[in-house]
Amino acid sequence: MATKFSQYRAVVPALVEQRAAPRHRILVTRATLTKRGNKPVEAMLHDLSVYGCRLACTAPHGEGEKVWLSLRGDQPVPATVVWNDGAHIGCRFDDPIERSLVRQLTLVIC
């Protein structure tokens, strides 16, 4: 029950993780991002899961756009842009990628 002291207090929304799989940080990996009818552009892969990734990319990409990602020179992976904050974009893969590819990109030898 609210009191008169809490009536005007600003409430910050809760941060709820909604991903189906945890994202793994990647040190620095270059990727190629291609939109239909456009030339490929370079992007930096920041984190990755079997279902999606976060990229730093200078080219504008709107939410809902279809793109193709080339990770480590492999076959392009179809994905959809789900968010864009101006500096980074979040993509959801149309089909989950192989776990072995995730392991190759996230493996760090210390």
PDB file of N, CA and C in Angstrom:
ATOM      1  N   MET A   1       0.842  -1.163   0.000  1.00  0.00           N
ATOM      2  CA  MET A   1       0.000   0.000   0.000  1.00  0.00           C
ATOM      3  C   MET A   1       0.897   1.238   0.000  1.00  0.00           C
ATOM      4  N   ALA A   2       0.564   2.193  -0.805  1.00  0.00           N
ATOM      5  CA  ALA A   2       1.357   3.414  -0.915  1.00  0.00           C
ATOM      6  C   ALA A   2       0.994   4.382   0.205  1.00  0.00           C
ATOM      7  N   THR A   3       1.988   5.149   0.610  1.00  0.00           N
ATOM      8  CA  THR A   3       1.749   6.184   1.603  1.00  0.00           C
ATOM      9  C   THR A   3       1.896   7.530   0.918  1.00  0.00           C
ATOM     10  N   LYS A   4       1.580   8.592   1.628  1.00  0.00           N
ATOM     11  CA  LYS A   4       1.691   9.903   1.000  1.00  0.00           C
ATOM     12  C   LYS A   4       3.147  10.279   0.727  1.00  0.00           C
ATOM     13  N   PHE A   5       4.110   9.612   1.413  1.00  0.00           N
ATOM     14  CA  PHE A   5       5.519   9.895   1.182  1.00  0.00           C
ATOM     15  C   PHE A   5       6.046   9.205  -0.072  1.00  0.00           C
ATOM     16  N   SER A   6       5.458   8.086  -0.449  1.00  0.00           N
ATOM     17  CA  SER A   6       5.921   7.374  -1.632  1.00  0.00           C
ATOM     18  C   SER A   6       5.102   7.706  -2.873  1.00  0.00           C
ATOM     19  N   GLN A   7       4.120   8.541  -2.730  1.00  0.00           N
ATOM     20  CA  GLN A   7       3.206   8.845  -3.823  1.00  0.00           C
ATOM     21  C   GLN A   7       3.917   9.477  -5.017  1.00  0.00           C
ATOM     22  N   TYR A   8       4.889  10.348  -4.793  1.00  0.00           N
ATOM     23  CA  TYR A   8       5.553  11.066  -5.883  1.00  0.00           C
ATOM     24  C   TYR A   8       6.976  10.584  -6.151  1.00  0.00           C
ATOM     25  N   ARG A   9       7.344   9.472  -5.587  1.00  0.00           N
ATOM     26  CA  ARG A   9       8.678   8.923  -5.780  1.00  0.00           C
ATOM     27  C   ARG A   9       8.777   8.283  -7.163  1.00  0.00           C
ATOM     28  N   ALA A  10       9.844   8.601  -7.879  1.00  0.00           N
ATOM     29  CA  ALA A  10      10.057   8.021  -9.204  1.00  0.00           C
ATOM     30  C   ALA A  10      10.465   6.567  -9.059  1.00  0.00           C
ATOM     31  N   VAL A  11       9.910   5.724  -9.874  1.00  0.00           N
ATOM     32  CA  VAL A  11      10.213   4.304  -9.844  1.00  0.00           C
ATOM     33  C   VAL A  11      10.933   3.950 -11.137  1.00  0.00           C
ATOM     34  N   VAL A  12      12.076   3.315 -10.994  1.00  0.00           N
ATOM     35  CA  VAL A  12      12.874   2.900 -12.140  1.00  0.00           C
ATOM     36  C   VAL A  12      12.399   1.511 -12.565  1.00  0.00           C
ATOM     37  N   PRO A  13      12.207   1.270 -13.868  1.00  0.00           N
ATOM     38  CA  PRO A  13      11.778  -0.059 -14.298  1.00  0.00           C
ATOM     39  C   PRO A  13      12.821  -1.117 -13.971  1.00  0.00           C
ATOM     40  N   ALA A  14      12.358  -2.307 -13.674  1.00  0.00           N
ATOM     41  CA  ALA A  14      13.247  -3.407 -13.334  1.00  0.00           C
ATOM     42  C   ALA A  14      13.968  -3.887 -14.587  1.00  0.00           C
ATOM     43  N   LEU A  15      15.233  -4.242 -14.420  1.00  0.00           N
ATOM     44  CA  LEU A  15      15.994  -4.807 -15.524  1.00  0.00           C
ATOM     45  C   LEU A  15      15.806  -6.319 -15.500  1.00  0.00           C
ATOM     46  N   VAL A  16      15.088  -6.829 -16.467  1.00  0.00           N
ATOM     47  CA  VAL A  16      14.809  -8.253 -16.539  1.00  0.00           C
ATOM     48  C   VAL A  16      15.489  -8.814 -17.774  1.00  0.00           C
ATOM     49  N   GLU A  17      16.313  -9.797 -17.578  1.00  0.00           N
ATOM     50  CA  GLU A  17      16.994 -10.448 -18.688  1.00  0.00           C
ATOM     51  C   GLU A  17      15.985 -11.316 -19.417  1.00  0.00           C
ATOM     52  N   GLN A  18      15.778 -11.042 -20.712  1.00  0.00           N
ATOM     53  CA  GLN A  18      14.770 -11.762 -21.474  1.00  0.00           C
ATOM     54  C   GLN A  18      15.383 -12.672 -22.531  1.00  0.00           C
ATOM     55  N   ARG A  19      16.667 -12.892 -22.491  1.00  0.00           N
ATOM     56  CA  ARG A  19      17.307 -13.733 -23.494  1.00  0.00           C
ATOM     57  C   ARG A  19      17.089 -15.198 -23.165  1.00  0.00           C
ATOM     58  N   ALA A  20      16.997 -16.011 -24.221  1.00  0.00           N
ATOM     59  CA  ALA A  20      16.817 -17.448 -24.046  1.00  0.00           C
ATOM     60  C   ALA A  20      18.125 -18.146 -23.686  1.00  0.00           C
ATOM     61  N   ALA A  21      19.257 -17.528 -24.018  1.00  0.00           N
ATOM     62  CA  ALA A  21      20.569 -18.101 -23.721  1.00  0.00           C
ATOM     63  C   ALA A  21      21.496 -16.969 -23.299  1.00  0.00           C
ATOM     64  N   PRO A  22      22.445 -17.259 -22.403  1.00  0.00           N
ATOM     65  CA  PRO A  22      23.361 -16.192 -21.963  1.00  0.00           C
ATOM     66  C   PRO A  22      24.252 -15.727 -23.101  1.00  0.00           C
ATOM     67  N   ARG A  23      24.570 -14.436 -23.094  1.00  0.00           N
ATOM     68  CA  ARG A  23      25.504 -13.881 -24.078  1.00  0.00           C
ATOM     69  C   ARG A  23      26.911 -14.032 -23.532  1.00  0.00           C
ATOM     70  N   HIS A  24      27.848 -14.321 -24.423  1.00  0.00           N
ATOM     71  CA  HIS A  24      29.253 -14.474 -24.065  1.00  0.00           C
ATOM     72  C   HIS A  24      30.030 -13.312 -24.645  1.00  0.00           C
ATOM     73  N   ARG A  25      30.856 -12.684 -23.812  1.00  0.00           N
ATOM     74  CA  ARG A  25      31.679 -11.566 -24.277  1.00  0.00           C
ATOM     75  C   ARG A  25      32.771 -12.077 -25.202  1.00  0.00           C
ATOM     76  N   ILE A  26      33.092 -11.242 -26.166  1.00  0.00           N
ATOM     77  CA  ILE A  26      34.131 -11.554 -27.132  1.00  0.00           C
ATOM     78  C   ILE A  26      35.147 -10.425 -27.069  1.00  0.00           C
ATOM     79  N   LEU A  27      36.426 -10.761 -27.082  1.00  0.00           N
ATOM     80  CA  LEU A  27      37.442  -9.710 -26.982  1.00  0.00           C
ATOM     81  C   LEU A  27      37.307  -8.743 -28.152  1.00  0.00           C
ATOM     82  N   VAL A  28      37.717  -9.100 -29.322  1.00  0.00           N
ATOM     83  CA  VAL A  28      37.541  -8.263 -30.506  1.00  0.00           C
ATOM     84  C   VAL A  28      37.447  -9.205 -31.701  1.00  0.00           C
ATOM     85  N   THR A  29      36.316  -9.192 -32.348  1.00  0.00           N
ATOM     86  CA  THR A  29      36.146 -10.002 -33.547  1.00  0.00           C
ATOM     87  C   THR A  29      35.451  -9.160 -34.594  1.00  0.00           C
ATOM     88  N   ARG A  30      36.011  -9.171 -35.771  1.00  0.00           N
ATOM     89  CA  ARG A  30      35.387  -8.439 -36.871  1.00  0.00           C
ATOM     90  C   ARG A  30      34.358  -9.323 -37.550  1.00  0.00           C
ATOM     91  N   ALA A  31      33.298  -8.685 -37.975  1.00  0.00           N
ATOM     92  CA  ALA A  31      32.242  -9.363 -38.708  1.00  0.00           C
ATOM     93  C   ALA A  31      31.886  -8.497 -39.910  1.00  0.00           C
ATOM     94  N   THR A  32      31.255  -9.096 -40.886  1.00  0.00           N
ATOM     95  CA  THR A  32      30.775  -8.363 -42.041  1.00  0.00           C
ATOM     96  C   THR A  32      29.263  -8.392 -42.014  1.00  0.00           C
ATOM     97  N   LEU A  33      28.653  -7.229 -42.181  1.00  0.00           N
ATOM     98  CA  LEU A  33      27.208  -7.072 -42.105  1.00  0.00           C
ATOM     99  C   LEU A  33      26.704  -6.600 -43.457  1.00  0.00           C
ATOM    100  N   THR A  34      25.712  -7.300 -44.004  1.00  0.00           N
ATOM    101  CA  THR A  34      25.203  -6.969 -45.329  1.00  0.00           C
ATOM    102  C   THR A  34      23.684  -6.832 -45.276  1.00  0.00           C
ATOM    103  N   LYS A  35      23.178  -5.738 -45.856  1.00  0.00           N
ATOM    104  CA  LYS A  35      21.740  -5.557 -46.050  1.00  0.00           C
ATOM    105  C   LYS A  35      21.432  -5.813 -47.516  1.00  0.00           C
ATOM    106  N   ARG A  36      20.204  -6.166 -47.805  1.00  0.00           N
ATOM    107  CA  ARG A  36      19.799  -6.421 -49.191  1.00  0.00           C
ATOM    108  C   ARG A  36      20.078  -5.195 -50.058  1.00  0.00           C
ATOM    109  N   GLY A  37      20.787  -5.406 -51.145  1.00  0.00           N
ATOM    110  CA  GLY A  37      21.057  -4.334 -52.102  1.00  0.00           C
ATOM    111  C   GLY A  37      22.181  -3.398 -51.706  1.00  0.00           C
ATOM    112  N   ASN A  38      22.832  -3.617 -50.571  1.00  0.00           N
ATOM    113  CA  ASN A  38      23.923  -2.747 -50.116  1.00  0.00           C
ATOM    114  C   ASN A  38      25.234  -3.510 -50.100  1.00  0.00           C
ATOM    115  N   LYS A  39      26.320  -2.761 -50.105  1.00  0.00           N
ATOM    116  CA  LYS A  39      27.638  -3.366 -49.977  1.00  0.00           C
ATOM    117  C   LYS A  39      27.848  -3.822 -48.539  1.00  0.00           C
ATOM    118  N   PRO A  40      28.672  -4.846 -48.339  1.00  0.00           N
ATOM    119  CA  PRO A  40      28.990  -5.279 -46.975  1.00  0.00           C
ATOM    120  C   PRO A  40      29.736  -4.193 -46.211  1.00  0.00           C
ATOM    121  N   VAL A  41      29.464  -4.076 -44.916  1.00  0.00           N
ATOM    122  CA  VAL A  41      30.167  -3.131 -44.055  1.00  0.00           C
ATOM    123  C   VAL A  41      30.814  -3.909 -42.912  1.00  0.00           C
ATOM    124  N   GLU A  42      31.923  -3.367 -42.428  1.00  0.00           N
ATOM    125  CA  GLU A  42      32.623  -3.979 -41.301  1.00  0.00           C
ATOM    126  C   GLU A  42      31.899  -3.634 -40.003  1.00  0.00           C
ATOM    127  N   ALA A  43      31.885  -4.587 -39.092  1.00  0.00           N
ATOM    128  CA  ALA A  43      31.289  -4.384 -37.770  1.00  0.00           C
ATOM    129  C   ALA A  43      32.158  -5.111 -36.749  1.00  0.00           C
ATOM    130  N   MET A  44      32.061  -4.695 -35.501  1.00  0.00           N
ATOM    131  CA  MET A  44      32.797  -5.336 -34.419  1.00  0.00           C
ATOM    132  C   MET A  44      31.812  -6.104 -33.549  1.00  0.00           C
ATOM    133  N   LEU A  45      32.045  -7.387 -33.416  1.00  0.00           N
ATOM    134  CA  LEU A  45      31.198  -8.252 -32.612  1.00  0.00           C
ATOM    135  C   LEU A  45      31.581  -8.096 -31.149  1.00  0.00           C
ATOM    136  N   HIS A  46      30.606  -7.736 -30.301  1.00  0.00           N
ATOM    137  CA  HIS A  46      30.896  -7.512 -28.874  1.00  0.00           C
ATOM    138  C   HIS A  46      30.468  -8.670 -27.998  1.00  0.00           C
ATOM    139  N   ASP A  47      29.303  -9.255 -28.247  1.00  0.00           N
ATOM    140  CA  ASP A  47      28.908 -10.445 -27.516  1.00  0.00           C
ATOM    141  C   ASP A  47      28.036 -11.309 -28.402  1.00  0.00           C
ATOM    142  N   LEU A  48      27.861 -12.564 -27.975  1.00  0.00           N
ATOM    143  CA  LEU A  48      27.276 -13.551 -28.855  1.00  0.00           C
ATOM    144  C   LEU A  48      26.600 -14.642 -28.050  1.00  0.00           C
ATOM    145  N   SER A  49      25.496 -15.158 -28.564  1.00  0.00           N
ATOM    146  CA  SER A  49      24.880 -16.385 -28.064  1.00  0.00           C
ATOM    147  C   SER A  49      24.448 -17.178 -29.284  1.00  0.00           C
ATOM    148  N   VAL A  50      23.888 -18.348 -29.079  1.00  0.00           N
ATOM    149  CA  VAL A  50      23.442 -19.134 -30.226  1.00  0.00           C
ATOM    150  C   VAL A  50      22.241 -18.488 -30.906  1.00  0.00           C
ATOM    151  N   TYR A  51      21.551 -17.571 -30.214  1.00  0.00           N
ATOM    152  CA  TYR A  51      20.346 -16.942 -30.747  1.00  0.00           C
ATOM    153  C   TYR A  51      20.542 -15.526 -31.283  1.00  0.00           C
ATOM    154  N   GLY A  52      21.628 -14.852 -30.913  1.00  0.00           N
ATOM    155  CA  GLY A  52      21.801 -13.475 -31.361  1.00  0.00           C
ATOM    156  C   GLY A  52      23.139 -12.903 -30.957  1.00  0.00           C
ATOM    157  N   CYS A  53      23.315 -11.600 -31.271  1.00  0.00           N
ATOM    158  CA  CYS A  53      24.587 -10.953 -30.971  1.00  0.00           C
ATOM    159  C   CYS A  53      24.397  -9.439 -30.871  1.00  0.00           C
ATOM    160  N   ARG A  54      25.449  -8.770 -30.361  1.00  0.00           N
ATOM    161  CA  ARG A  54      25.508  -7.311 -30.313  1.00  0.00           C
ATOM    162  C   ARG A  54      26.717  -6.883 -31.108  1.00  0.00           C
ATOM    163  N   LEU A  55      26.515  -5.896 -31.995  1.00  0.00           N
ATOM    164  CA  LEU A  55      27.571  -5.424 -32.880  1.00  0.00           C
ATOM    165  C   LEU A  55      27.710  -3.917 -32.793  1.00  0.00           C
ATOM    166  N   ALA A  56      28.931  -3.425 -32.957  1.00  0.00           N
ATOM    167  CA  ALA A  56      29.169  -1.998 -33.146  1.00  0.00           C
ATOM    168  C   ALA A  56      29.314  -1.791 -34.643  1.00  0.00           C
ATOM    169  N   CYS A  57      28.489  -0.900 -35.181  1.00  0.00           N
ATOM    170  CA  CYS A  57      28.477  -0.696 -36.624  1.00  0.00           C
ATOM    171  C   CYS A  57      28.184   0.769 -36.911  1.00  0.00           C
ATOM    172  N   THR A  58      28.906   1.347 -37.876  1.00  0.00           N
ATOM    173  CA  THR A  58      28.711   2.757 -38.192  1.00  0.00           C
ATOM    174  C   THR A  58      27.558   2.987 -39.157  1.00  0.00           C
ATOM    175  N   ALA A  59      27.197   1.986 -39.955  1.00  0.00           N
ATOM    176  CA  ALA A  59      26.096   2.139 -40.907  1.00  0.00           C
ATOM    177  C   ALA A  59      24.759   2.070 -40.161  1.00  0.00           C
ATOM    178  N   PRO A  60      23.775   2.878 -40.570  1.00  0.00           N
ATOM    179  CA  PRO A  60      22.477   2.859 -39.879  1.00  0.00           C
ATOM    180  C   PRO A  60      21.685   1.594 -40.210  1.00  0.00           C
ATOM    181  N   HIS A  61      21.087   1.010 -39.198  1.00  0.00           N
ATOM    182  CA  HIS A  61      20.238  -0.167 -39.347  1.00  0.00           C
ATOM    183  C   HIS A  61      19.001   0.024 -38.478  1.00  0.00           C
ATOM    184  N   GLY A  62      17.840  -0.060 -39.076  1.00  0.00           N
ATOM    185  CA  GLY A  62      16.595   0.115 -38.336  1.00  0.00           C
ATOM    186  C   GLY A  62      16.089  -1.192 -37.767  1.00  0.00           C
ATOM    187  N   GLU A  63      15.270  -1.078 -36.740  1.00  0.00           N
ATOM    188  CA  GLU A  63      14.677  -2.264 -36.134  1.00  0.00           C
ATOM    189  C   GLU A  63      13.809  -2.980 -37.160  1.00  0.00           C
ATOM    190  N   GLY A  64      13.925  -4.290 -37.197  1.00  0.00           N
ATOM    191  CA  GLY A  64      13.154  -5.101 -38.118  1.00  0.00           C
ATOM    192  C   GLY A  64      13.828  -5.367 -39.452  1.00  0.00           C
ATOM    193  N   GLU A  65      14.972  -4.734 -39.710  1.00  0.00           N
ATOM    194  CA  GLU A  65      15.683  -4.953 -40.978  1.00  0.00           C
ATOM    195  C   GLU A  65      16.317  -6.338 -41.005  1.00  0.00           C
ATOM    196  N   LYS A  66      16.293  -6.966 -42.169  1.00  0.00           N
ATOM    197  CA  LYS A  66      16.951  -8.249 -42.376  1.00  0.00           C
ATOM    198  C   LYS A  66      18.394  -7.984 -42.788  1.00  0.00           C
ATOM    199  N   VAL A  67      19.331  -8.683 -42.160  1.00  0.00           N
ATOM    200  CA  VAL A  67      20.750  -8.552 -42.475  1.00  0.00           C
ATOM    201  C   VAL A  67      21.371  -9.951 -42.547  1.00  0.00           C
ATOM    202  N   TRP A  68      22.568 -10.009 -43.115  1.00  0.00           N
ATOM    203  CA  TRP A  68      23.339 -11.245 -43.159  1.00  0.00           C
ATOM    204  C   TRP A  68      24.680 -10.963 -42.513  1.00  0.00           C
ATOM    205  N   LEU A  69      25.062 -11.793 -41.553  1.00  0.00           N
ATOM    206  CA  LEU A  69      26.324 -11.637 -40.830  1.00  0.00           C
ATOM    207  C   LEU A  69      27.306 -12.713 -41.258  1.00  0.00           C
ATOM    208  N   SER A  70      28.523 -12.299 -41.559  1.00  0.00           N
ATOM    209  CA  SER A  70      29.594 -13.257 -41.818  1.00  0.00           C
ATOM    210  C   SER A  70      30.519 -13.217 -40.620  1.00  0.00           C
ATOM    211  N   LEU A  71      30.559 -14.319 -39.890  1.00  0.00           N
ATOM    212  CA  LEU A  71      31.388 -14.436 -38.697  1.00  0.00           C
ATOM    213  C   LEU A  71      32.567 -15.349 -39.030  1.00  0.00           C
ATOM    214  N   ARG A  72      33.764 -14.845 -38.911  1.00  0.00           N
ATOM    215  CA  ARG A  72      34.990 -15.599 -39.185  1.00  0.00           C
ATOM    216  C   ARG A  72      35.057 -16.105 -40.618  1.00  0.00           C
ATOM    217  N   GLY A  73      34.440 -15.401 -41.548  1.00  0.00           N
ATOM    218  CA  GLY A  73      34.513 -15.798 -42.943  1.00  0.00           C
ATOM    219  C   GLY A  73      33.650 -16.991 -43.296  1.00  0.00           C
ATOM    220  N   ASP A  74      32.833 -17.470 -42.354  1.00  0.00           N
ATOM    221  CA  ASP A  74      31.952 -18.607 -42.623  1.00  0.00           C
ATOM    222  C   ASP A  74      30.763 -18.174 -43.473  1.00  0.00           C
ATOM    223  N   GLN A  75      29.901 -19.121 -43.733  1.00  0.00           N
ATOM    224  CA  GLN A  75      28.677 -18.867 -44.489  1.00  0.00           C
ATOM    225  C   GLN A  75      27.873 -17.763 -43.804  1.00  0.00           C
ATOM    226  N   PRO A  76      27.300 -16.811 -44.558  1.00  0.00           N
ATOM    227  CA  PRO A  76      26.512 -15.738 -43.943  1.00  0.00           C
ATOM    228  C   PRO A  76      25.328 -16.284 -43.145  1.00  0.00           C
ATOM    229  N   VAL A  77      25.081 -15.647 -42.007  1.00  0.00           N
ATOM    230  CA  VAL A  77      23.997 -16.051 -41.112  1.00  0.00           C
ATOM    231  C   VAL A  77      22.884 -15.015 -41.229  1.00  0.00           C
ATOM    232  N   PRO A  78      21.662 -15.420 -41.623  1.00  0.00           N
ATOM    233  CA  PRO A  78      20.564 -14.457 -41.701  1.00  0.00           C
ATOM    234  C   PRO A  78      20.112 -14.062 -40.301  1.00  0.00           C
ATOM    235  N   ALA A  79      19.835 -12.767 -40.120  1.00  0.00           N
ATOM    236  CA  ALA A  79      19.424 -12.248 -38.814  1.00  0.00           C
ATOM    237  C   ALA A  79      18.491 -11.058 -39.002  1.00  0.00           C
ATOM    238  N   THR A  80      17.850 -10.655 -37.917  1.00  0.00           N
ATOM    239  CA  THR A  80      16.961  -9.502 -37.904  1.00  0.00           C
ATOM    240  C   THR A  80      17.438  -8.537 -36.826  1.00  0.00           C
ATOM    241  N   VAL A  81      17.508  -7.245 -37.154  1.00  0.00           N
ATOM    242  CA  VAL A  81      17.892  -6.223 -36.175  1.00  0.00           C
ATOM    243  C   VAL A  81      16.707  -6.026 -35.232  1.00  0.00           C
ATOM    244  N   VAL A  82      16.931  -6.209 -33.920  1.00  0.00           N
ATOM    245  CA  VAL A  82      15.846  -6.057 -32.954  1.00  0.00           C
ATOM    246  C   VAL A  82      15.947  -4.768 -32.148  1.00  0.00           C
ATOM    247  N   TRP A  83      17.134  -4.169 -32.090  1.00  0.00           N
ATOM    248  CA  TRP A  83      17.278  -2.864 -31.431  1.00  0.00           C
ATOM    249  C   TRP A  83      18.499  -2.152 -31.984  1.00  0.00           C
ATOM    250  N   ASN A  84      18.492  -0.828 -31.828  1.00  0.00           N
ATOM    251  CA  ASN A  84      19.588   0.014 -32.294  1.00  0.00           C
ATOM    252  C   ASN A  84      19.658   1.212 -31.357  1.00  0.00           C
ATOM    253  N   ASP A  85      20.811   1.416 -30.724  1.00  0.00           N
ATOM    254  CA  ASP A  85      20.954   2.566 -29.815  1.00  0.00           C
ATOM    255  C   ASP A  85      21.841   3.659 -30.404  1.00  0.00           C
ATOM    256  N   GLY A  86      22.142   3.570 -31.693  1.00  0.00           N
ATOM    257  CA  GLY A  86      22.979   4.575 -32.343  1.00  0.00           C
ATOM    258  C   GLY A  86      24.416   4.134 -32.505  1.00  0.00           C
ATOM    259  N   ALA A  87      24.965   3.449 -31.511  1.00  0.00           N
ATOM    260  CA  ALA A  87      26.344   2.971 -31.578  1.00  0.00           C
ATOM    261  C   ALA A  87      26.403   1.458 -31.760  1.00  0.00           C
ATOM    262  N   HIS A  88      25.427   0.753 -31.225  1.00  0.00           N
ATOM    263  CA  HIS A  88      25.386  -0.703 -31.292  1.00  0.00           C
ATOM    264  C   HIS A  88      24.031  -1.157 -31.830  1.00  0.00           C
ATOM    265  N   ILE A  89      24.026  -2.354 -32.397  1.00  0.00           N
ATOM    266  CA  ILE A  89      22.775  -2.975 -32.808  1.00  0.00           C
ATOM    267  C   ILE A  89      22.704  -4.367 -32.210  1.00  0.00           C
ATOM    268  N   GLY A  90      21.507  -4.809 -31.920  1.00  0.00           N
ATOM    269  CA  GLY A  90      21.271  -6.163 -31.443  1.00  0.00           C
ATOM    270  C   GLY A  90      20.559  -6.942 -32.525  1.00  0.00           C
ATOM    271  N   CYS A  91      21.063  -8.122 -32.828  1.00  0.00           N
ATOM    272  CA  CYS A  91      20.483  -8.951 -33.886  1.00  0.00           C
ATOM    273  C   CYS A  91      20.051 -10.296 -33.314  1.00  0.00           C
ATOM    274  N   ARG A  92      18.935 -10.792 -33.826  1.00  0.00           N
ATOM    275  CA  ARG A  92      18.467 -12.133 -33.499  1.00  0.00           C
ATOM    276  C   ARG A  92      18.633 -12.982 -34.757  1.00  0.00           C
ATOM    277  N   PHE A  93      19.331 -14.107 -34.634  1.00  0.00           N
ATOM    278  CA  PHE A  93      19.536 -14.986 -35.774  1.00  0.00           C
ATOM    279  C   PHE A  93      18.212 -15.637 -36.152  1.00  0.00           C
ATOM    280  N   ASP A  94      17.989 -15.809 -37.457  1.00  0.00           N
ATOM    281  CA  ASP A  94      16.760 -16.455 -37.916  1.00  0.00           C
ATOM    282  C   ASP A  94      16.695 -17.897 -37.424  1.00  0.00           C
ATOM    283  N   ASP A  95      17.826 -18.578 -37.412  1.00  0.00           N
ATOM    284  CA  ASP A  95      17.954 -19.930 -36.852  1.00  0.00           C
ATOM    285  C   ASP A  95      19.148 -19.916 -35.921  1.00  0.00           C
ATOM    286  N   PRO A  96      19.087 -20.647 -34.807  1.00  0.00           N
ATOM    287  CA  PRO A  96      20.246 -20.670 -33.907  1.00  0.00           C
ATOM    288  C   PRO A  96      21.502 -21.137 -34.646  1.00  0.00           C
ATOM    289  N   ILE A  97      22.643 -20.514 -34.301  1.00  0.00           N
ATOM    290  CA  ILE A  97      23.901 -20.913 -34.928  1.00  0.00           C
ATOM    291  C   ILE A  97      24.477 -22.104 -34.163  1.00  0.00           C
ATOM    292  N   GLU A  98      25.435 -22.743 -34.772  1.00  0.00           N
ATOM    293  CA  GLU A  98      26.070 -23.911 -34.167  1.00  0.00           C
ATOM    294  C   GLU A  98      26.796 -23.523 -32.876  1.00  0.00           C
ATOM    295  N   ARG A  99      26.661 -24.343 -31.866  1.00  0.00           N
ATOM    296  CA  ARG A  99      27.355 -24.094 -30.593  1.00  0.00           C
ATOM    297  C   ARG A  99      28.870 -24.145 -30.776  1.00  0.00           C
ATOM    298  N   SER A 100      29.332 -24.938 -31.724  1.00  0.00           N
ATOM    299  CA  SER A 100      30.779 -25.018 -31.969  1.00  0.00           C
ATOM    300  C   SER A 100      31.319 -23.677 -32.459  1.00  0.00           C
ATOM    301  N   LEU A 101      30.543 -22.942 -33.258  1.00  0.00           N
ATOM    302  CA  LEU A 101      30.966 -21.610 -33.713  1.00  0.00           C
ATOM    303  C   LEU A 101      31.020 -20.647 -32.531  1.00  0.00           C
ATOM    304  N   VAL A 102      30.039 -20.714 -31.634  1.00  0.00           N
ATOM    305  CA  VAL A 102      30.042 -19.865 -30.432  1.00  0.00           C
ATOM    306  C   VAL A 102      31.282 -20.172 -29.604  1.00  0.00           C
ATOM    307  N   ARG A 103      31.602 -21.451 -29.438  1.00  0.00           N
ATOM    308  CA  ARG A 103      32.798 -21.827 -28.669  1.00  0.00           C
ATOM    309  C   ARG A 103      34.064 -21.297 -29.325  1.00  0.00           C
ATOM    310  N   GLN A 104      34.170 -21.380 -30.656  1.00  0.00           N
ATOM    311  CA  GLN A 104      35.360 -20.882 -31.357  1.00  0.00           C
ATOM    312  C   GLN A 104      35.531 -19.380 -31.161  1.00  0.00           C
ATOM    313  N   LEU A 105      34.421 -18.640 -31.189  1.00  0.00           N
ATOM    314  CA  LEU A 105      34.509 -17.182 -31.084  1.00  0.00           C
ATOM    315  C   LEU A 105      34.699 -16.709 -29.649  1.00  0.00           C
ATOM    316  N   THR A 106      34.305 -17.501 -28.670  1.00  0.00           N
ATOM    317  CA  THR A 106      34.394 -17.068 -27.282  1.00  0.00           C
ATOM    318  C   THR A 106      35.551 -17.715 -26.519  1.00  0.00           C
ATOM    319  N   LEU A 107      36.227 -18.659 -27.134  1.00  0.00           N
ATOM    320  CA  LEU A 107      37.330 -19.329 -26.466  1.00  0.00           C
ATOM    321  C   LEU A 107      38.502 -18.374 -26.298  1.00  0.00           C
ATOM    322  N   VAL A 108      38.946 -18.205 -25.058  1.00  0.00           N
ATOM    323  CA  VAL A 108      40.092 -17.352 -24.761  1.00  0.00           C
ATOM    324  C   VAL A 108      41.133 -18.203 -24.042  1.00  0.00           C
ATOM    325  N   ILE A 109      42.327 -18.255 -24.590  1.00  0.00           N
ATOM    326  CA  ILE A 109      43.417 -19.003 -23.952  1.00  0.00           C
ATOM    327  C   ILE A 109      44.227 -18.043 -23.098  1.00  0.00           C
ATOM    328  N   CYS A 110      44.279 -18.306 -21.816  1.00  0.00           N
ATOM    329  CA  CYS A 110      45.015 -17.425 -20.879  1.00  0.00           C
ATOM    330  C   CYS A 110      46.400 -17.964 -20.630  1.00  0.00           C
TER     331      CYS A 110
END
